[in-house]
C-alpha cells in the first residue's frame, strides 16, 4: 500500500506549487474571474507552463519535465486547495497521455506545444447526463478516404477555449478517436459556465470533415488510446478533489478555533471535534488511495484501473463530506456568497460528476474485483 510520504523531489514540487498558487491563484482570484464572467485565465496558464507544469508527464525530448503521474497528482492536489482554474487536466494530463500512446511525428509535435503552453486540448466525449464512454452516439461515417463527423457533445470541459479537440465517435467497426482543430468548418461551440465557474462547452458537429491523419491511434480502436488518458485524468481529478477537501477542512478548523458561542470557542465542543476528526481520517485514507493510484499509473499503467476507480470513488465521497461539514460548521455565514466555502462546494459538485461519479467508479471497483 502506498504511503503519504513524498520523495524529496515531489516535496519540493509541492512546496513550490503551494507558494506560487497562494500568491497567483488564491480563491479570491476565482471570485474575480467569476464576477468578470470569465471561465479561464490564459496569463495564469502561461506562467504555469513556464514553471514546467504543462509538461509534467511529457518526455524531455518534447520539452516536458517527465515527472510522471505521481507528480501530476501532486500539482492537481495543490491546485485544488485554492480552486485554481486551468486546462491542466484536459491538456497536460489527458490529452498528453493520449498523444503519448501514439507518439508519431504529429503527436510528438503536439506534445511539444502542450508543454510550452502554446496548445490546449479538450476531450469531446460525454453526450449523456452521466459519464458513459460506451454510449457515444456521435458518428463518423466513411466519406471517400476520410470521414464526416456528426453529433453533439454536451459536457466538454475547457471546450469553449481549447485549440484542439479529441473527439470520440462511432465508426463502422467500433469507436475512433479524432484529433481535430476546434475551429474546423462544421463545429459549433456554445460556451457555458459550470456551477463552479469553469468552462464546459456544448459542441455540435455537423458533417465535420476528418481525414485519416486526424485519427489518433487506429480506426475502430479508440479505447487503446483513450483508456490510459481517462485513467490519468480520473486520478488527477481525484487529487484535485482531495486538495479542495483539504482547503475546505483548513477553513473549517480555523473557524472552529476563533468562533465563540456562550463565551467558549466552538472548537472545544466535543461533538464538533468528533466530526472534524472523522473528516480528517477520511481525508487521510483517500489521500493514500490517490497516492497509490498515481504510483500505479507510473509503474504498471495497464493494471491501474482498480486503483484509479477506488481513488476517484473515495475522492467523491470525501469531497462531499468536507464541503457539507464546512458549510454546516460555519453556520449561517457558510451559506452566503460572500464567504468562500460556497466555491469549494460548487467545485466539489462539478468534480464529482466529471469523468465518472461515485456510482460509476464503485461499479468499476466491484467488477474488477469479480463481483
Protein backbone atom coordinates (compact mmCIF):
# COMPACT_ATOMS: atom_id res chain seq x y z
CA UNK A 1 0.00 0.00 0.00
CA UNK A 2 1.32 3.43 -0.92
CA UNK A 3 2.08 5.83 1.87
CA UNK A 4 1.66 9.59 2.03
CA UNK A 5 5.44 10.07 2.15
CA UNK A 6 6.69 12.06 -0.84
CA UNK A 7 10.13 11.80 -2.35
CA UNK A 8 12.39 14.81 -1.84
CA UNK A 9 11.76 15.90 -5.42
CA UNK A 10 7.99 15.56 -5.00
CA UNK A 11 8.03 17.54 -1.76
CA UNK A 12 9.97 20.34 -3.46
CA UNK A 13 7.39 20.34 -6.25
CA UNK A 14 4.52 20.55 -3.76
CA UNK A 15 6.19 23.36 -1.80
CA UNK A 16 6.92 25.45 -4.90
CA UNK A 17 3.39 24.88 -6.20
CA UNK A 18 1.93 25.92 -2.87
CA UNK A 19 3.87 29.18 -2.82
CA UNK A 20 3.02 30.01 -6.43
CA UNK A 21 -0.70 29.26 -6.10
CA UNK A 22 -1.10 31.10 -2.81
CA UNK A 23 0.32 34.20 -4.48
CA UNK A 24 -1.04 33.95 -8.02
CA UNK A 25 -4.27 31.99 -7.71
CA UNK A 26 -5.92 32.16 -4.29
CA UNK A 27 -9.67 31.55 -4.06
CA UNK A 28 -10.17 35.30 -4.36
CA UNK A 29 -8.77 35.05 -7.90
CA UNK A 30 -11.53 32.60 -8.83
CA UNK A 31 -14.08 35.00 -7.37
CA UNK A 32 -12.71 37.83 -9.55
CA UNK A 33 -12.87 35.64 -12.65
CA UNK A 34 -16.45 34.66 -11.89
CA UNK A 35 -17.54 38.24 -11.23
CA UNK A 36 -15.95 39.28 -14.53
CA UNK A 37 -17.76 36.50 -16.39
CA UNK A 38 -14.53 34.66 -17.24
CA UNK A 39 -14.01 30.89 -17.05
CA UNK A 40 -10.24 30.74 -17.50
CA UNK A 41 -7.07 32.81 -17.19
CA UNK A 42 -4.63 32.49 -20.12
CA UNK A 43 -1.98 34.56 -18.33
CA UNK A 44 -2.02 32.23 -15.31
CA UNK A 45 -1.71 29.18 -17.56
CA UNK A 46 1.24 30.77 -19.35
CA UNK A 47 3.02 31.17 -16.01
CA UNK A 48 2.23 27.57 -15.08
CA UNK A 49 3.68 26.41 -18.40
CA UNK A 50 6.84 28.45 -17.79
CA UNK A 51 7.24 26.58 -14.50
CA UNK A 52 7.07 23.26 -16.36
CA UNK A 53 3.63 22.21 -15.13
CA UNK A 54 2.15 21.94 -18.62
CA UNK A 55 4.75 19.31 -19.48
CA UNK A 56 4.65 17.36 -16.23
CA UNK A 57 4.04 13.98 -17.94
CA UNK A 58 5.61 14.88 -21.30
CA UNK A 59 9.06 13.47 -22.22
CA UNK A 60 12.05 15.78 -22.01
CA UNK A 61 12.66 15.29 -25.75
CA UNK A 62 9.39 17.16 -26.37
CA UNK A 63 10.16 19.93 -23.90
CA UNK A 64 8.47 18.37 -20.89
CA UNK A 65 9.82 17.52 -17.46
CA UNK A 66 8.60 13.88 -17.50
CA UNK A 67 7.96 13.56 -13.75
CA UNK A 68 5.04 11.16 -14.18
CA UNK A 69 1.53 10.86 -12.83
CA UNK A 70 2.51 10.93 -9.17
CA UNK A 71 3.90 14.42 -9.74
CA UNK A 72 0.86 15.40 -11.82
CA UNK A 73 -1.38 14.37 -8.92
CA UNK A 74 0.71 16.48 -6.53
CA UNK A 75 0.20 19.54 -8.73
CA UNK A 76 -3.51 18.80 -9.10
CA UNK A 77 -3.87 18.49 -5.32
CA UNK A 78 -2.21 21.85 -4.75
CA UNK A 79 -4.42 23.45 -7.41
CA UNK A 80 -7.46 22.02 -5.68
CA UNK A 81 -6.57 23.73 -2.40
CA UNK A 82 -7.02 27.17 -3.98
CA UNK A 83 -9.52 26.13 -6.69
CA UNK A 84 -7.12 27.25 -9.43
CA UNK A 85 -8.66 27.29 -12.90
CA UNK A 86 -6.55 25.97 -15.77
CA UNK A 87 -6.59 23.44 -18.65
CA UNK A 88 -4.13 21.27 -16.72
CA UNK A 89 -6.33 18.16 -16.54
CA UNK A 90 -7.68 18.44 -20.09
CA UNK A 91 -4.42 19.27 -21.87
CA UNK A 92 -1.41 18.33 -19.78
CA UNK A 93 -2.84 15.14 -18.29
CA UNK A 94 -5.49 13.59 -20.53
CA UNK A 95 -4.53 14.90 -23.98
CA UNK A 96 -0.82 14.45 -23.29
CA UNK A 97 -1.36 10.87 -22.12
CA UNK A 98 -3.43 10.08 -25.20
CA UNK A 99 -0.84 11.56 -27.55
CA UNK A 100 1.93 9.60 -25.82
CA UNK A 101 0.14 6.36 -26.73
CA UNK A 102 0.64 7.16 -30.41
CA UNK A 103 3.90 9.14 -30.44
CA UNK A 104 4.07 9.64 -34.22
CA UNK A 105 5.61 12.82 -35.60
CA UNK A 106 2.34 14.74 -35.41
CA UNK A 107 1.63 13.65 -31.85
CA UNK A 108 5.17 14.49 -30.78
CA UNK A 109 4.82 17.97 -32.22
CA UNK A 110 1.53 18.42 -30.33
CA UNK A 111 3.19 17.26 -27.10
CA UNK A 112 5.89 19.91 -27.54
CA UNK A 113 3.27 22.60 -27.98
CA UNK A 114 1.31 21.43 -24.93
CA UNK A 115 4.48 21.51 -22.84
CA UNK A 116 5.23 25.08 -23.90
CA UNK A 117 1.67 26.20 -23.19
CA UNK A 118 1.16 27.04 -26.85
CA UNK A 119 -1.60 24.47 -27.39
CA UNK A 120 -4.62 23.46 -25.33
CA UNK A 121 -6.92 20.48 -25.76
CA UNK A 122 -10.37 19.41 -24.60
CA UNK A 123 -11.91 15.94 -24.62
CA UNK A 124 -15.19 15.87 -26.55
CA UNK A 125 -16.73 12.64 -25.32
CA UNK A 126 -19.73 12.97 -22.98
CA UNK A 127 -23.20 13.03 -24.52
CA UNK A 128 -25.43 11.76 -21.72
CA UNK A 129 -26.27 13.09 -18.28
CA UNK A 130 -23.73 10.69 -16.79
CA UNK A 131 -20.23 9.64 -17.79
CA UNK A 132 -20.64 6.73 -20.23
CA UNK A 133 -17.86 6.35 -22.83
CA UNK A 134 -19.55 3.28 -24.32
CA UNK A 135 -22.80 5.19 -25.01
CA UNK A 136 -21.43 7.56 -27.67
CA UNK A 137 -23.87 8.30 -30.50
CA UNK A 138 -21.79 10.79 -32.48
CA UNK A 139 -21.00 9.14 -35.81
CA UNK A 140 -18.01 9.33 -38.10
CA UNK A 141 -19.27 7.88 -41.35
CA UNK A 142 -16.87 6.90 -44.11
CA UNK A 143 -16.59 9.51 -46.86
CA UNK A 144 -14.09 8.68 -49.57
CA UNK A 145 -10.69 8.36 -47.92
CA UNK A 146 -11.87 10.15 -44.80
CA UNK A 147 -14.87 10.66 -42.53
CA UNK A 148 -17.73 13.03 -41.80
CA UNK A 149 -18.42 13.56 -38.11
CA UNK A 150 -21.93 14.44 -36.91
CA UNK A 151 -23.30 14.57 -33.39
CA UNK A 152 -23.49 16.60 -30.18
CA UNK A 153 -21.17 16.63 -27.18
CA UNK A 154 -22.85 18.14 -24.15
CA UNK A 155 -20.15 18.39 -21.48
CA UNK A 156 -16.77 19.35 -22.94
CA UNK A 157 -14.73 20.76 -20.08
CA UNK A 158 -12.42 23.53 -21.35
CA UNK A 159 -14.04 23.12 -24.77
CA UNK A 160 -15.00 26.76 -25.04
CA UNK A 161 -11.40 27.94 -25.38
CA UNK A 162 -9.41 24.82 -26.38
CA UNK A 163 -7.35 24.99 -29.57
CA UNK A 164 -7.94 21.33 -30.45
CA UNK A 165 -10.45 18.62 -29.62
CA UNK A 166 -10.11 14.90 -29.05
CA UNK A 167 -13.43 13.67 -30.42
CA UNK A 168 -14.82 10.20 -29.71
CA UNK A 169 -17.14 8.92 -32.42
CA UNK A 170 -18.69 5.68 -33.64
CA UNK A 171 -17.26 4.16 -36.81
CA UNK A 172 -18.30 1.03 -38.71
CA UNK A 173 -16.33 -1.39 -36.57
CA UNK A 174 -16.25 0.29 -33.16
CA UNK A 175 -15.20 3.70 -31.85
CA UNK A 176 -12.48 6.00 -33.16
CA UNK A 177 -10.71 8.97 -31.56
CA UNK A 178 -10.08 12.02 -33.74
CA UNK A 179 -7.67 14.89 -33.08
CA UNK A 180 -9.04 17.96 -34.88
CA UNK A 181 -8.76 21.75 -34.59
CA UNK A 182 -11.60 23.34 -32.63
CA UNK A 183 -12.32 25.86 -35.38
CA UNK A 184 -12.79 23.39 -38.23
CA UNK A 185 -15.78 24.01 -40.50
CA UNK A 186 -18.99 22.42 -39.19
CA UNK A 187 -18.11 22.79 -35.50
CA UNK A 188 -20.44 24.98 -33.46
CA UNK A 189 -19.49 25.71 -29.85
CA UNK A 190 -21.70 27.11 -27.11
CA UNK A 191 -19.59 28.22 -24.16
CA UNK A 192 -21.16 27.70 -20.76
CA UNK A 193 -20.01 28.41 -17.23
CA UNK A 194 -20.48 25.47 -14.88
CA UNK A 195 -21.72 25.89 -11.33
CA UNK A 196 -18.09 26.12 -10.21
CA UNK A 197 -17.35 28.90 -12.75
CA UNK A 198 -15.25 26.73 -15.05
CA UNK A 199 -15.87 26.27 -18.76
CA UNK A 200 -17.84 23.33 -20.17
CA UNK A 201 -18.98 23.78 -23.75
CA UNK A 202 -21.74 22.19 -25.76
CA UNK A 203 -20.29 21.32 -29.15
CA UNK A 204 -22.31 20.35 -32.23
CA UNK A 205 -20.56 18.59 -35.11
CA UNK A 206 -22.31 18.85 -38.48
CA UNK A 207 -20.65 16.90 -41.29
CA UNK A 208 -17.22 17.84 -39.98
CA UNK A 209 -14.56 16.61 -42.37
CA UNK A 210 -11.83 14.38 -40.94
CA UNK A 211 -9.03 12.62 -42.77
CA UNK A 212 -7.04 9.54 -41.87
CA UNK A 213 -4.35 11.84 -40.48
CA UNK A 214 -6.87 13.14 -37.94
CA UNK A 215 -7.30 9.68 -36.42
CA UNK A 216 -5.41 9.35 -33.14
CA UNK A 217 -4.34 5.73 -32.96
CA UNK A 218 -6.21 3.18 -35.06
CA UNK A 219 -9.67 3.30 -36.63
CA UNK A 220 -12.26 1.38 -34.55
CA UNK A 221 -9.84 1.11 -31.60
CA UNK A 222 -10.29 4.35 -29.68
CA UNK A 223 -10.03 2.84 -26.21
CA UNK A 224 -6.42 1.74 -26.69
CA UNK A 225 -5.55 5.43 -26.73
CA UNK A 226 -8.40 6.84 -24.65
CA UNK A 227 -8.46 4.44 -21.68
CA UNK A 228 -4.99 5.42 -20.39
CA UNK A 229 -5.88 9.09 -20.87
CA UNK A 230 -9.14 8.75 -18.95
CA UNK A 231 -7.48 6.91 -16.07
CA UNK A 232 -4.79 9.58 -15.86
CA UNK A 233 -7.47 12.26 -15.81
CA UNK A 234 -9.52 10.45 -13.18
CA UNK A 235 -6.53 10.08 -10.88
CA UNK A 236 -5.52 13.72 -11.26
CA UNK A 237 -9.11 14.86 -10.74
CA UNK A 238 -9.28 12.75 -7.58
CA UNK A 239 -6.11 14.51 -6.42
CA UNK A 240 -7.65 17.90 -7.14
CA UNK A 241 -10.68 16.83 -5.09
CA UNK A 242 -8.60 15.83 -2.07
CA UNK A 243 -6.93 19.22 -2.44
CA UNK A 244 -10.25 21.05 -2.32
CA UNK A 245 -11.23 18.85 0.64
CA UNK A 246 -8.08 19.99 2.43
CA UNK A 247 -8.81 23.61 1.56
CA UNK A 248 -12.34 23.36 2.94
CA UNK A 249 -11.10 21.49 6.02
CA UNK A 250 -8.48 24.16 6.72
CA UNK A 251 -11.06 26.93 6.55
CA UNK A 252 -13.37 25.00 8.83
CA UNK A 253 -10.83 24.16 11.53
CA UNK A 254 -9.58 27.76 11.52
CA UNK A 255 -13.16 28.90 12.12
CA UNK A 256 -13.62 26.39 14.96
CA UNK A 257 -10.59 27.93 16.68
CA UNK A 258 -11.86 31.50 16.54
CA UNK A 259 -15.68 31.42 16.71
CA UNK A 260 -17.20 31.69 20.18
CA UNK A 261 -20.65 30.70 21.42
CA UNK A 262 -21.78 31.11 25.03
CA UNK A 263 -18.34 32.51 25.78
CA UNK A 264 -16.50 29.40 24.57
CA UNK A 265 -14.62 28.57 21.38
CA UNK A 266 -16.81 26.18 19.38
CA UNK A 267 -13.69 24.13 18.70
CA UNK A 268 -13.86 22.99 22.31
CA UNK A 269 -17.27 21.37 21.75
CA UNK A 270 -16.72 17.63 21.70
CA UNK A 271 -19.34 16.93 19.03
CA UNK A 272 -17.61 19.26 16.57
CA UNK A 273 -14.23 17.80 17.47
CA UNK A 274 -15.51 14.32 16.65
CA UNK A 275 -16.88 15.44 13.31
CA UNK A 276 -13.65 17.19 12.39
CA UNK A 277 -11.60 14.15 13.44
CA UNK A 278 -13.81 11.86 11.34
CA UNK A 279 -13.33 14.08 8.29
CA UNK A 280 -9.56 14.18 8.83
CA UNK A 281 -9.44 10.36 8.96
CA UNK A 282 -11.44 10.09 5.74
CA UNK A 283 -9.12 12.55 4.03
CA UNK A 284 -6.03 10.61 5.08
CA UNK A 285 -7.36 7.32 3.74
CA UNK A 286 -8.44 8.96 0.49
CA UNK A 287 -5.09 10.71 0.08
CA UNK A 288 -3.37 7.35 0.46
CA UNK A 289 -5.62 5.81 -2.21
CA UNK A 290 -4.81 8.67 -4.58
CA UNK A 291 -1.07 8.37 -3.95
CA UNK A 292 -1.36 4.65 -4.72
CA UNK A 293 -3.23 5.36 -7.96
CA UNK A 294 -0.51 7.77 -9.09
CA UNK A 295 2.21 5.22 -8.34
CA UNK A 296 0.30 2.50 -10.20
CA UNK A 297 -0.09 4.70 -13.27
CA UNK A 298 3.66 5.29 -13.28
CA UNK A 299 4.74 1.72 -12.56
CA UNK A 300 2.04 -0.52 -14.08
CA UNK A 301 -0.39 1.61 -16.11
CA UNK A 302 -2.02 -1.36 -17.84
CA UNK A 303 -3.32 -2.60 -14.49
CA UNK A 304 -4.06 0.69 -12.75
CA UNK A 305 -7.83 0.72 -13.34
CA UNK A 306 -8.81 -0.63 -9.93
CA UNK A 307 -6.57 1.81 -8.04
CA UNK A 308 -7.81 4.74 -10.12
CA UNK A 309 -11.52 3.96 -9.69
CA UNK A 310 -11.04 3.40 -5.96
CA UNK A 311 -9.30 6.79 -5.70
CA UNK A 312 -11.99 8.64 -7.68
CA UNK A 313 -14.84 6.98 -5.75
CA UNK A 314 -13.28 7.82 -2.40
CA UNK A 315 -12.43 11.36 -3.51
CA UNK A 316 -16.07 11.94 -4.47
CA UNK A 317 -17.37 10.90 -1.05
CA UNK A 318 -14.62 12.71 0.85
CA UNK A 319 -15.06 15.97 -1.04
CA UNK A 320 -18.81 15.85 -0.49
CA UNK A 321 -18.32 15.27 3.24
CA UNK A 322 -15.72 18.05 3.50
CA UNK A 323 -17.88 20.74 1.94
CA UNK A 324 -21.08 19.69 3.73
CA UNK A 325 -19.31 19.74 7.08
CA UNK A 326 -17.66 23.02 6.15
CA UNK A 327 -20.96 24.73 5.42
CA UNK A 328 -22.69 23.29 8.49
CA UNK A 329 -19.92 24.12 10.95
CA UNK A 330 -19.76 27.68 9.69
CA UNK A 331 -23.48 28.07 10.29
CA UNK A 332 -25.31 30.89 8.51
CA UNK A 333 -22.18 32.51 7.07
CA UNK A 334 -21.37 29.24 5.31
CA UNK A 335 -24.46 29.70 3.13
CA UNK A 336 -23.54 33.17 1.89
CA UNK A 337 -21.81 34.03 -1.38
CA UNK A 338 -19.60 36.49 0.45
CA UNK A 339 -17.87 33.55 2.13
CA UNK A 340 -15.53 31.29 0.14
CA UNK A 341 -16.86 27.94 1.36
CA UNK A 342 -19.53 28.01 -1.33
CA UNK A 343 -16.85 27.96 -4.02
CA UNK A 344 -15.45 24.73 -2.58
CA UNK A 345 -18.91 23.17 -2.50
CA UNK A 346 -19.59 24.11 -6.12
CA UNK A 347 -16.24 22.76 -7.30
CA UNK A 348 -16.88 19.53 -5.42
CA UNK A 349 -20.30 19.12 -7.05
CA UNK A 350 -18.92 19.57 -10.55
CA UNK A 351 -15.86 17.39 -9.95
CA UNK A 352 -17.92 14.53 -8.53
CA UNK A 353 -19.74 14.24 -11.86
CA UNK A 354 -16.80 14.76 -14.24
CA UNK A 355 -15.14 11.56 -15.52
CA UNK A 356 -17.48 9.30 -13.54
CA UNK A 357 -19.31 9.79 -10.25
CA UNK A 358 -19.20 7.59 -7.15
CA UNK A 359 -21.71 5.10 -8.55
CA UNK A 360 -19.78 4.64 -11.79
CA UNK A 361 -16.45 4.04 -10.08
CA UNK A 362 -17.92 1.87 -7.31
CA UNK A 363 -19.33 -0.34 -10.08
CA UNK A 364 -15.90 -0.42 -11.72
CA UNK A 365 -14.26 -1.47 -8.46
CA UNK A 366 -16.86 -4.19 -7.93
CA UNK A 367 -16.42 -5.51 -11.47
CA UNK A 368 -12.62 -5.51 -11.30
CA UNK A 369 -12.81 -7.42 -8.02
CA UNK A 370 -15.02 -10.08 -9.61
CA UNK A 371 -18.39 -9.18 -8.14
